């Protein structure tokens, strides 16, 4: 009938599991929501920035 939508290929194929207290987690998720972003997106952004800063030192 029409073109089939191409499946989006995800480069994300690993997980990082961490533990933190509920209050911090809830505050972080709520703040991300208020800023119209996701917790996962912000954590990925932090990791990329952290690696970029520290790889430049090597």
Protein backbone atom coordinates (compact mmCIF):
# COMPACT_ATOMS: atom_id res chain seq x y z
CA UNK A 1 0.00 0.00 0.00
CA UNK A 2 2.70 2.47 0.88
CA UNK A 3 6.33 2.53 1.74
CA UNK A 4 7.16 0.59 4.83
CA UNK A 5 8.84 2.70 7.44
CA UNK A 6 12.47 1.83 7.85
CA UNK A 7 13.31 0.58 11.29
CA UNK A 8 15.48 3.00 13.19
CA UNK A 9 18.85 1.42 13.82
CA UNK A 10 19.94 2.09 17.38
CA UNK A 11 23.62 2.48 18.18
CA UNK A 12 22.81 2.03 21.84
CA UNK A 13 23.47 -1.58 22.68
CA UNK A 14 24.65 -1.53 26.29
CA UNK A 15 23.27 -0.57 29.67
CA UNK A 16 24.78 1.03 32.73
CA UNK A 17 22.99 0.20 35.94
CA UNK A 18 23.61 2.37 38.97
CA UNK A 19 22.15 2.74 42.40
CA UNK A 20 21.26 6.02 44.05
CA UNK A 21 18.83 7.06 46.70
CA UNK A 22 15.19 7.53 45.74
CA UNK A 23 15.09 11.21 46.61
CA UNK A 24 18.00 12.05 44.30
CA UNK A 25 16.60 9.91 41.50
CA UNK A 26 13.14 11.45 41.78
CA UNK A 27 14.52 15.00 41.92
CA UNK A 28 16.71 14.34 38.87
CA UNK A 29 13.88 12.81 36.84
CA UNK A 30 11.48 15.60 37.83
CA UNK A 31 14.01 18.29 36.89
CA UNK A 32 14.67 16.63 33.54
CA UNK A 33 10.94 16.50 32.89
CA UNK A 34 10.60 20.20 33.75
CA UNK A 35 13.40 20.96 31.30
CA UNK A 36 11.72 18.86 28.59
CA UNK A 37 14.49 16.31 28.42
CA UNK A 38 14.99 12.77 29.68
CA UNK A 39 17.18 11.43 32.44
CA UNK A 40 18.84 9.03 29.99
CA UNK A 41 19.63 11.83 27.55
CA UNK A 42 21.23 13.93 30.27
CA UNK A 43 23.29 11.04 31.62
CA UNK A 44 24.51 10.23 28.09
CA UNK A 45 25.40 13.91 27.61
CA UNK A 46 27.33 13.91 30.90
CA UNK A 47 29.25 10.77 29.92
CA UNK A 48 30.19 12.17 26.50
CA UNK A 49 31.38 15.45 28.03
CA UNK A 50 33.29 13.64 30.79
CA UNK A 51 35.07 11.37 28.31
CA UNK A 52 35.90 14.27 25.99
CA UNK A 53 37.40 16.27 28.84
CA UNK A 54 39.44 13.39 30.22
CA UNK A 55 40.60 11.94 26.91
CA UNK A 56 42.09 15.32 26.02
CA UNK A 57 44.34 15.02 29.07
CA UNK A 58 45.89 11.75 27.93
